[in-house]
Amino acid sequence: MTAILLPHGRTPARRRFLAEVGAIGLLFACAPLLRAEPRIASAGDVRHWLDQIDTLSRQLRENELTSARWRTEIDALNAATPLTEFLPQLQFDRALKAMQRAGKDPAKTFIRLNDIDAGPARAAFAVAYFVFAKGQVITPHGHCGMVSAHAVVSGCLHARTYDRLGRGSDALRLRPRLDTQARPGFSAAISANEGNVHWFVAERDASATLDVIVQDIDANGREFAIELVDPLAAKPDADGIIRAPLLSWEESSRRYQGVAG
């Protein structure tokens, strides 16, 4: 998903997309989420999830695991894990406070793993929330030099993903992979090819994804980059493949903010 800034990584210059803007007053609109009383997962359960993510991410970094295998393993782990029960321990209240209705982009909040007793001391990954007001969008884009996984933990998102088949000078060749209403329990990880391009539109306030990000890997080159594309500009050929033109940040925002597709 995602234009992400890790502490040691690079980021495209897009201030709004990565902004962490406080909107504490909006927390009251999300109060039902915080007042709910699910069974709170034990620290051991949280540790198991974090440890498994760390192991898979280290194997990926050390070339013991392909990005395609990382993708399938992370999705399977997320599907088997009651992530919504972990939210109080994983600082979701802080992410909700950052949600903003003004503006077109969701609010991004990194989880401070050092503040979680069960967290790994030196993680091979980062974890962040994206919290959306209704109608906010993460515009269609592909990834280089990283992989990520996106688990919906609140609300509902219209999620579309595409397999990356190749890159020309001005376009990505894509095959549509997924088009669904994503609710809690949904997970869509990316690899260098499978699901590498995605697009999310929030259908409810306080819709949120919990993202796992691994950078500094060789996936479409080692240099971190986000490649924004225009899948609506191209019609599929006889094999269902589209040639999606590359866009600038400004063009992507103008074309896709507020577009349900």
C-alpha atoms as a PDB file:
ATOM      1  CA  MET A   1       0.000   0.000   0.000  1.00  0.00           C
ATOM      2  CA  THR A   2       1.762   1.925  -0.055  1.00  0.00           C
ATOM      3  CA  ALA A   3       3.972   4.933   0.220  1.00  0.00           C
ATOM      4  CA  ILE A   4       5.804   4.168   3.466  1.00  0.00           C
ATOM      5  CA  LEU A   5       8.669   5.851   5.241  1.00  0.00           C
ATOM      6  CA  LEU A   6      10.774   3.584   7.402  1.00  0.00           C
ATOM      7  CA  PRO A   7      13.335   5.007   9.787  1.00  0.00           C
ATOM      8  CA  HIS A   8      16.175   3.801   7.568  1.00  0.00           C
ATOM      9  CA  GLY A   9      14.477   3.975   4.182  1.00  0.00           C
ATOM     10  CA  ARG A  10      13.693   6.461   1.483  1.00  0.00           C
ATOM     11  CA  THR A  11      10.348   8.044   0.626  1.00  0.00           C
ATOM     12  CA  PRO A  12       8.850   9.977  -2.275  1.00  0.00           C
ATOM     13  CA  ALA A  13       8.099  13.605  -1.628  1.00  0.00           C
ATOM     14  CA  ARG A  14       4.433  13.440  -0.854  1.00  0.00           C
ATOM     15  CA  ARG A  15       3.772  15.249   2.386  1.00  0.00           C
ATOM     16  CA  ARG A  16       0.050  14.657   2.676  1.00  0.00           C
ATOM     17  CA  PHE A  17       0.190  10.937   1.965  1.00  0.00           C
ATOM     18  CA  LEU A  18       2.616  10.238   4.808  1.00  0.00           C
ATOM     19  CA  ALA A  19       1.465  12.972   7.173  1.00  0.00           C
ATOM     20  CA  GLU A  20       0.696  12.076  10.758  1.00  0.00           C
ATOM     21  CA  VAL A  21      -1.835  14.743  11.565  1.00  0.00           C
ATOM     22  CA  GLY A  22      -3.428  14.751  15.006  1.00  0.00           C
ATOM     23  CA  ALA A  23      -7.171  15.050  15.161  1.00  0.00           C
ATOM     24  CA  ILE A  24      -7.900  14.119  18.752  1.00  0.00           C
ATOM     25  CA  GLY A  25     -11.449  15.411  18.651  1.00  0.00           C
ATOM     26  CA  LEU A  26     -12.305  12.824  16.025  1.00  0.00           C
ATOM     27  CA  LEU A  27     -11.602  10.079  18.534  1.00  0.00           C
ATOM     28  CA  PHE A  28     -15.111  10.517  19.899  1.00  0.00           C
ATOM     29  CA  ALA A  29     -16.557   9.561  16.520  1.00  0.00           C
ATOM     30  CA  CYS A  30     -14.682   6.294  16.863  1.00  0.00           C
ATOM     31  CA  ALA A  31     -15.464   5.722  20.533  1.00  0.00           C
ATOM     32  CA  PRO A  32     -17.574   2.584  19.900  1.00  0.00           C
ATOM     33  CA  LEU A  33     -14.471   0.871  18.574  1.00  0.00           C
ATOM     34  CA  LEU A  34     -12.570   1.604  21.767  1.00  0.00           C
ATOM     35  CA  ARG A  35     -15.456   0.815  24.105  1.00  0.00           C
ATOM     36  CA  ALA A  36     -15.949  -2.659  22.663  1.00  0.00           C
ATOM     37  CA  GLU A  37     -14.893  -5.445  24.985  1.00  0.00           C
ATOM     38  CA  PRO A  38     -13.481  -8.303  22.917  1.00  0.00           C
ATOM     39  CA  ARG A  39     -11.435 -11.039  24.508  1.00  0.00           C
ATOM     40  CA  ILE A  40      -8.010  -9.428  24.952  1.00  0.00           C
ATOM     41  CA  ALA A  41      -5.287 -11.595  23.487  1.00  0.00           C
ATOM     42  CA  SER A  42      -2.483 -12.542  25.831  1.00  0.00           C
ATOM     43  CA  ALA A  43       1.011 -11.140  25.464  1.00  0.00           C
ATOM     44  CA  GLY A  44       2.076 -14.628  24.375  1.00  0.00           C
ATOM     45  CA  ASP A  45      -0.392 -14.509  21.472  1.00  0.00           C
ATOM     46  CA  VAL A  46       0.920 -11.116  20.383  1.00  0.00           C
ATOM     47  CA  ARG A  47       4.473 -12.386  20.717  1.00  0.00           C
ATOM     48  CA  HIS A  48       3.699 -15.371  18.479  1.00  0.00           C
ATOM     49  CA  TRP A  49       2.387 -13.124  15.704  1.00  0.00           C
ATOM     50  CA  LEU A  50       5.269 -10.662  15.976  1.00  0.00           C
ATOM     51  CA  ASP A  51       7.865 -13.436  16.177  1.00  0.00           C
ATOM     52  CA  GLN A  52       6.458 -15.197  13.121  1.00  0.00           C
ATOM     53  CA  ILE A  53       6.438 -11.935  11.140  1.00  0.00           C
ATOM     54  CA  ASP A  54      10.023 -11.276  12.221  1.00  0.00           C
ATOM     55  CA  THR A  55      11.211 -14.756  11.257  1.00  0.00           C
ATOM     56  CA  LEU A  56       9.634 -14.581   7.805  1.00  0.00           C
ATOM     57  CA  SER A  57      10.972 -11.076   7.220  1.00  0.00           C
ATOM     58  CA  ARG A  58      14.512 -12.037   8.241  1.00  0.00           C
ATOM     59  CA  GLN A  59      14.392 -15.027   5.920  1.00  0.00           C
ATOM     60  CA  LEU A  60      13.290 -12.722   3.124  1.00  0.00           C
ATOM     61  CA  ARG A  61      16.080 -10.237   3.822  1.00  0.00           C
ATOM     62  CA  GLU A  62      18.652 -13.054   3.856  1.00  0.00           C
ATOM     63  CA  ASN A  63      17.360 -14.501   0.558  1.00  0.00           C
ATOM     64  CA  GLU A  64      16.192 -17.681   2.271  1.00  0.00           C
ATOM     65  CA  LEU A  65      12.625 -16.932   1.192  1.00  0.00           C
ATOM     66  CA  THR A  66      11.253 -15.524  -2.056  1.00  0.00           C
ATOM     67  CA  SER A  67       8.931 -12.542  -1.948  1.00  0.00           C
ATOM     68  CA  ALA A  68       6.181 -14.781  -3.383  1.00  0.00           C
ATOM     69  CA  ARG A  69       6.567 -17.240  -0.501  1.00  0.00           C
ATOM     70  CA  TRP A  70       6.706 -14.384   2.019  1.00  0.00           C
ATOM     71  CA  ARG A  71       3.422 -13.104   0.613  1.00  0.00           C
ATOM     72  CA  THR A  72       1.601 -16.424   0.968  1.00  0.00           C
ATOM     73  CA  GLU A  73       3.017 -17.103   4.435  1.00  0.00           C
ATOM     74  CA  ILE A  74       2.078 -13.650   5.755  1.00  0.00           C
ATOM     75  CA  ASP A  75      -1.448 -13.863   4.360  1.00  0.00           C
ATOM     76  CA  ALA A  76      -1.905 -17.312   5.923  1.00  0.00           C
ATOM     77  CA  LEU A  77      -0.580 -16.084   9.266  1.00  0.00           C
ATOM     78  CA  ASN A  78      -2.837 -13.017   9.249  1.00  0.00           C
ATOM     79  CA  ALA A  79      -5.863 -15.115   8.298  1.00  0.00           C
ATOM     80  CA  ALA A  80      -5.215 -17.440  11.257  1.00  0.00           C
ATOM     81  CA  THR A  81      -4.592 -14.615  13.756  1.00  0.00           C
ATOM     82  CA  PRO A  82      -7.377 -12.669  15.562  1.00  0.00           C
ATOM     83  CA  LEU A  83      -5.728  -9.324  14.864  1.00  0.00           C
ATOM     84  CA  THR A  84      -8.762  -7.295  15.967  1.00  0.00           C
ATOM     85  CA  GLU A  85      -8.260  -8.694  19.473  1.00  0.00           C
ATOM     86  CA  PHE A  86      -4.698  -7.355  19.525  1.00  0.00           C
ATOM     87  CA  LEU A  87      -5.622  -3.751  18.748  1.00  0.00           C
ATOM     88  CA  PRO A  88      -5.461  -2.430  22.343  1.00  0.00           C
ATOM     89  CA  GLN A  89      -1.930  -3.840  22.680  1.00  0.00           C
ATOM     90  CA  LEU A  90      -0.932  -2.657  19.228  1.00  0.00           C
ATOM     91  CA  GLN A  91      -1.656   1.035  19.914  1.00  0.00           C
ATOM     92  CA  PHE A  92      -4.775   1.331  17.760  1.00  0.00           C
ATOM     93  CA  ASP A  93      -6.124   4.106  19.998  1.00  0.00           C
ATOM     94  CA  ARG A  94      -3.173   6.277  18.953  1.00  0.00           C
ATOM     95  CA  ALA A  95      -3.899   5.560  15.279  1.00  0.00           C
ATOM     96  CA  LEU A  96      -7.567   6.516  15.679  1.00  0.00           C
ATOM     97  CA  LYS A  97      -6.576   9.842  17.204  1.00  0.00           C
ATOM     98  CA  ALA A  98      -4.614  10.596  14.036  1.00  0.00           C
ATOM     99  CA  MET A  99      -7.587  10.027  11.735  1.00  0.00           C
ATOM    100  CA  GLN A 100      -8.558  13.141   9.821  1.00  0.00           C
ATOM    101  CA  ARG A 101     -11.698  13.895   7.880  1.00  0.00           C
ATOM    102  CA  ALA A 102     -10.215  16.961   6.211  1.00  0.00           C
ATOM    103  CA  GLY A 103      -7.907  16.090   3.343  1.00  0.00           C
ATOM    104  CA  LYS A 104      -7.945  13.267   0.857  1.00  0.00           C
ATOM    105  CA  ASP A 105      -5.402  10.875   2.337  1.00  0.00           C
ATOM    106  CA  PRO A 106      -5.667   8.403   5.227  1.00  0.00           C
ATOM    107  CA  ALA A 107      -3.583   8.983   8.342  1.00  0.00           C
ATOM    108  CA  LYS A 108      -0.505   6.791   8.775  1.00  0.00           C
ATOM    109  CA  THR A 109       0.756   5.881  12.250  1.00  0.00           C
ATOM    110  CA  PHE A 110       3.718   3.602  12.941  1.00  0.00           C
ATOM    111  CA  ILE A 111       3.461   1.150  15.823  1.00  0.00           C
ATOM    112  CA  ARG A 112       6.260   1.678  18.323  1.00  0.00           C
ATOM    113  CA  LEU A 113       7.443  -1.914  18.669  1.00  0.00           C
ATOM    114  CA  ASN A 114       9.829  -0.986  21.470  1.00  0.00           C
ATOM    115  CA  ASP A 115       6.800  -0.010  23.560  1.00  0.00           C
ATOM    116  CA  ILE A 116       5.292  -3.498  23.272  1.00  0.00           C
ATOM    117  CA  ASP A 117       6.644  -5.905  25.885  1.00  0.00           C
ATOM    118  CA  ALA A 118       6.222  -8.808  23.498  1.00  0.00           C
ATOM    119  CA  GLY A 119       7.863  -7.047  20.567  1.00  0.00           C
ATOM    120  CA  PRO A 120      11.175  -8.164  19.049  1.00  0.00           C
ATOM    121  CA  ALA A 121      14.158  -6.117  20.209  1.00  0.00           C
ATOM    122  CA  ARG A 122      15.447  -5.433  16.680  1.00  0.00           C
ATOM    123  CA  ALA A 123      12.684  -6.181  14.220  1.00  0.00           C
ATOM    124  CA  ALA A 124      13.348  -6.928  10.545  1.00  0.00           C
ATOM    125  CA  PHE A 125      10.082  -5.196   9.653  1.00  0.00           C
ATOM    126  CA  ALA A 126       7.945  -2.186  10.506  1.00  0.00           C
ATOM    127  CA  VAL A 127       4.232  -2.061  11.309  1.00  0.00           C
ATOM    128  CA  ALA A 128       1.886   0.841  10.617  1.00  0.00           C
ATOM    129  CA  TYR A 129      -1.808   1.633  10.568  1.00  0.00           C
ATOM    130  CA  PHE A 130      -3.592   3.493   7.821  1.00  0.00           C
ATOM    131  CA  VAL A 131      -6.861   4.920   9.162  1.00  0.00           C
ATOM    132  CA  PHE A 132      -9.374   6.271   6.640  1.00  0.00           C
ATOM    133  CA  ALA A 133     -12.374   8.547   6.804  1.00  0.00           C
ATOM    134  CA  LYS A 134     -15.123   7.479   4.410  1.00  0.00           C
ATOM    135  CA  GLY A 135     -14.138   8.206   0.819  1.00  0.00           C
ATOM    136  CA  GLN A 136     -10.412   8.571   1.432  1.00  0.00           C
ATOM    137  CA  VAL A 137      -8.181   6.741  -1.012  1.00  0.00           C
ATOM    138  CA  ILE A 138      -4.799   5.141  -1.418  1.00  0.00           C
ATOM    139  CA  THR A 139      -4.433   5.590  -5.153  1.00  0.00           C
ATOM    140  CA  PRO A 140      -3.287   2.772  -7.491  1.00  0.00           C
ATOM    141  CA  HIS A 141       0.444   2.191  -7.256  1.00  0.00           C
ATOM    142  CA  GLY A 142       3.163  -0.449  -7.536  1.00  0.00           C
ATOM    143  CA  HIS A 143       6.270  -1.074  -5.459  1.00  0.00           C
ATOM    144  CA  CYS A 144      10.016  -1.448  -5.873  1.00  0.00           C
ATOM    145  CA  GLY A 145      12.580  -2.443  -3.251  1.00  0.00           C
ATOM    146  CA  MET A 146       9.986  -3.566  -0.683  1.00  0.00           C
ATOM    147  CA  VAL A 147       7.098  -5.863   0.131  1.00  0.00           C
ATOM    148  CA  SER A 148       4.136  -5.257   2.421  1.00  0.00           C
ATOM    149  CA  ALA A 149       1.031  -6.925   3.830  1.00  0.00           C
ATOM    150  CA  HIS A 150      -2.282  -5.210   4.487  1.00  0.00           C
ATOM    151  CA  ALA A 151      -4.762  -6.649   6.983  1.00  0.00           C
ATOM    152  CA  VAL A 152      -8.105  -4.882   7.406  1.00  0.00           C
ATOM    153  CA  VAL A 153      -8.823  -4.487  11.132  1.00  0.00           C
ATOM    154  CA  SER A 154     -11.747  -2.037  11.079  1.00  0.00           C
ATOM    155  CA  GLY A 155     -14.520  -0.859   8.756  1.00  0.00           C
ATOM    156  CA  CYS A 156     -14.705  -1.724   5.066  1.00  0.00           C
ATOM    157  CA  LEU A 157     -12.478  -0.915   2.100  1.00  0.00           C
ATOM    158  CA  HIS A 158     -12.977  -1.448  -1.612  1.00  0.00           C
ATOM    159  CA  ALA A 159      -9.707  -3.237  -2.381  1.00  0.00           C
ATOM    160  CA  ARG A 160      -8.316  -3.851  -5.854  1.00  0.00           C
ATOM    161  CA  THR A 161      -5.003  -5.536  -6.594  1.00  0.00           C
ATOM    162  CA  TYR A 162      -3.081  -6.316  -9.771  1.00  0.00           C
ATOM    163  CA  ASP A 163      -0.236  -8.665 -10.661  1.00  0.00           C
ATOM    164  CA  ARG A 164       2.774  -6.899 -12.114  1.00  0.00           C
ATOM    165  CA  LEU A 165       3.871  -8.478 -15.400  1.00  0.00           C
ATOM    166  CA  GLY A 166       6.424  -5.965 -16.628  1.00  0.00           C
ATOM    167  CA  ARG A 167       7.403  -2.323 -16.961  1.00  0.00           C
ATOM    168  CA  GLY A 168       7.828  -0.129 -20.004  1.00  0.00           C
ATOM    169  CA  SER A 169       9.152   3.415 -20.171  1.00  0.00           C
ATOM    170  CA  ASP A 170       5.742   4.914 -19.458  1.00  0.00           C
ATOM    171  CA  ALA A 171       3.488   2.116 -18.195  1.00  0.00           C
ATOM    172  CA  LEU A 172       3.191  -1.076 -16.142  1.00  0.00           C
ATOM    173  CA  ARG A 173       1.746  -4.256 -17.637  1.00  0.00           C
ATOM    174  CA  LEU A 174      -0.808  -5.593 -15.167  1.00  0.00           C
ATOM    175  CA  ARG A 175      -3.287  -8.406 -14.754  1.00  0.00           C
ATOM    176  CA  PRO A 176      -6.256  -7.682 -12.458  1.00  0.00           C
ATOM    177  CA  ARG A 177      -6.069 -10.019  -9.463  1.00  0.00           C
ATOM    178  CA  LEU A 178      -8.653  -9.021  -6.867  1.00  0.00           C
ATOM    179  CA  ASP A 179     -11.649  -6.705  -6.604  1.00  0.00           C
ATOM    180  CA  THR A 180     -13.516  -7.057  -3.309  1.00  0.00           C
ATOM    181  CA  GLN A 181     -15.125  -5.432  -0.279  1.00  0.00           C
ATOM    182  CA  ALA A 182     -12.451  -5.978   2.363  1.00  0.00           C
ATOM    183  CA  ARG A 183     -13.526  -6.253   5.998  1.00  0.00           C
ATOM    184  CA  PRO A 184     -11.762  -7.374   9.199  1.00  0.00           C
ATOM    185  CA  GLY A 185     -10.139 -10.742   8.564  1.00  0.00           C
ATOM    186  CA  PHE A 186      -9.045  -9.769   5.035  1.00  0.00           C
ATOM    187  CA  SER A 187      -5.312  -9.775   4.260  1.00  0.00           C
ATOM    188  CA  ALA A 188      -3.600  -8.938   0.958  1.00  0.00           C
ATOM    189  CA  ALA A 189       0.191  -9.065   0.912  1.00  0.00           C
ATOM    190  CA  ILE A 190       2.307  -8.186  -2.098  1.00  0.00           C
ATOM    191  CA  SER A 191       5.355  -9.763  -3.675  1.00  0.00           C
ATOM    192  CA  ALA A 192       7.615  -8.482  -6.431  1.00  0.00           C
ATOM    193  CA  ASN A 193       4.898  -9.587  -8.870  1.00  0.00           C
ATOM    194  CA  GLU A 194       1.727 -10.975  -7.272  1.00  0.00           C
ATOM    195  CA  GLY A 195      -0.589  -8.236  -6.070  1.00  0.00           C
ATOM    196  CA  ASN A 196       2.250  -5.732  -6.423  1.00  0.00           C
ATOM    197  CA  VAL A 197      -0.135  -2.955  -7.492  1.00  0.00           C
ATOM    198  CA  HIS A 198      -3.068  -2.057  -5.266  1.00  0.00           C
ATOM    199  CA  TRP A 199      -5.768   0.551  -4.721  1.00  0.00           C
ATOM    200  CA  PHE A 200      -7.934   1.108  -1.613  1.00  0.00           C
ATOM    201  CA  VAL A 201     -11.064   3.226  -1.138  1.00  0.00           C
ATOM    202  CA  ALA A 202     -12.704   3.549   2.297  1.00  0.00           C
ATOM    203  CA  GLU A 203     -16.421   2.828   2.431  1.00  0.00           C
ATOM    204  CA  ARG A 204     -16.820   3.705   6.121  1.00  0.00           C
ATOM    205  CA  ASP A 205     -15.289   6.107   8.619  1.00  0.00           C
ATOM    206  CA  ALA A 206     -12.492   4.624  10.741  1.00  0.00           C
ATOM    207  CA  SER A 207     -11.732   1.917   8.207  1.00  0.00           C
ATOM    208  CA  ALA A 208      -8.191   0.783   8.926  1.00  0.00           C
ATOM    209  CA  THR A 209      -5.439  -1.504   7.720  1.00  0.00           C
ATOM    210  CA  LEU A 210      -2.602  -2.926   9.791  1.00  0.00           C
ATOM    211  CA  ASP A 211       0.412  -3.015   7.494  1.00  0.00           C
ATOM    212  CA  VAL A 212       3.644  -4.989   7.745  1.00  0.00           C
ATOM    213  CA  ILE A 213       6.475  -3.499   5.674  1.00  0.00           C
ATOM    214  CA  VAL A 214       9.887  -4.916   4.741  1.00  0.00           C
ATOM    215  CA  GLN A 215      12.290  -2.670   2.821  1.00  0.00           C
ATOM    216  CA  ASP A 216      15.846  -2.952   1.519  1.00  0.00           C
ATOM    217  CA  ILE A 217      15.143  -6.099  -0.464  1.00  0.00           C
ATOM    218  CA  ASP A 218      15.571  -6.908  -4.135  1.00  0.00           C
ATOM    219  CA  ALA A 219      12.059  -6.630  -5.543  1.00  0.00           C
ATOM    220  CA  ASN A 220      11.920  -4.838  -8.918  1.00  0.00           C
ATOM    221  CA  GLY A 221      15.310  -3.413  -7.971  1.00  0.00           C
ATOM    222  CA  ARG A 222      16.647  -2.669  -4.510  1.00  0.00           C
ATOM    223  CA  GLU A 223      15.927   1.048  -4.552  1.00  0.00           C
ATOM    224  CA  PHE A 224      12.673   1.919  -2.809  1.00  0.00           C
ATOM    225  CA  ALA A 225      10.145   3.486  -5.167  1.00  0.00           C
ATOM    226  CA  ILE A 226       6.404   3.919  -5.502  1.00  0.00           C
ATOM    227  CA  GLU A 227       5.084   3.841  -9.081  1.00  0.00           C
ATOM    228  CA  LEU A 228       1.645   5.405  -9.485  1.00  0.00           C
ATOM    229  CA  VAL A 229      -0.441   4.054 -12.338  1.00  0.00           C
ATOM    230  CA  ASP A 230      -3.748   4.623 -14.104  1.00  0.00           C
ATOM    231  CA  PRO A 231      -5.508   1.244 -14.507  1.00  0.00           C
ATOM    232  CA  LEU A 232      -8.772   2.914 -15.544  1.00  0.00           C
ATOM    233  CA  ALA A 233      -7.080   4.421 -18.602  1.00  0.00           C
ATOM    234  CA  ALA A 234      -6.530   1.063 -20.298  1.00  0.00           C
ATOM    235  CA  LYS A 235      -8.861  -1.679 -21.483  1.00  0.00           C
ATOM    236  CA  PRO A 236      -7.855  -5.318 -21.014  1.00  0.00           C
ATOM    237  CA  ASP A 237      -6.606  -7.192 -24.052  1.00  0.00           C
ATOM    238  CA  ALA A 238      -7.813 -10.662 -25.034  1.00  0.00           C
ATOM    239  CA  ASP A 239      -5.732 -12.178 -22.221  1.00  0.00           C
ATOM    240  CA  GLY A 240      -7.079  -9.774 -19.599  1.00  0.00           C
ATOM    241  CA  ILE A 241      -3.832  -7.795 -19.422  1.00  0.00           C
ATOM    242  CA  ILE A 242      -3.810  -4.005 -19.227  1.00  0.00           C
ATOM    243  CA  ARG A 243      -1.127  -1.432 -19.907  1.00  0.00           C
ATOM    244  CA  ALA A 244      -1.529   1.115 -17.104  1.00  0.00           C
ATOM    245  CA  PRO A 245       0.197   4.476 -17.747  1.00  0.00           C
ATOM    246  CA  LEU A 246       2.552   5.781 -15.082  1.00  0.00           C
ATOM    247  CA  LEU A 247       1.369   8.958 -13.324  1.00  0.00           C
ATOM    248  CA  SER A 248       2.914  11.721 -11.263  1.00  0.00           C
ATOM    249  CA  TRP A 249       1.754  12.170  -7.649  1.00  0.00           C
ATOM    250  CA  GLU A 250      -0.294  15.207  -8.687  1.00  0.00           C
ATOM    251  CA  GLU A 251      -1.923  13.388 -11.597  1.00  0.00           C
ATOM    252  CA  SER A 252      -2.707  10.366  -9.450  1.00  0.00           C
ATOM    253  CA  SER A 253      -4.340  12.523  -6.799  1.00  0.00           C
ATOM    254  CA  ARG A 254      -6.357  14.447  -9.365  1.00  0.00           C
ATOM    255  CA  ARG A 255      -7.451  11.293 -11.185  1.00  0.00           C
ATOM    256  CA  TYR A 256      -8.242   8.986  -8.291  1.00  0.00           C
ATOM    257  CA  GLN A 257      -9.047  10.914  -5.141  1.00  0.00           C
ATOM    258  CA  GLY A 258     -12.728  10.407  -4.607  1.00  0.00           C
ATOM    259  CA  VAL A 259     -13.087   7.939  -7.480  1.00  0.00           C
ATOM    260  CA  ALA A 260     -14.731   4.682  -6.421  1.00  0.00           C
ATOM    261  CA  GLY A 261     -13.980   3.083  -9.769  1.00  0.00           C
END
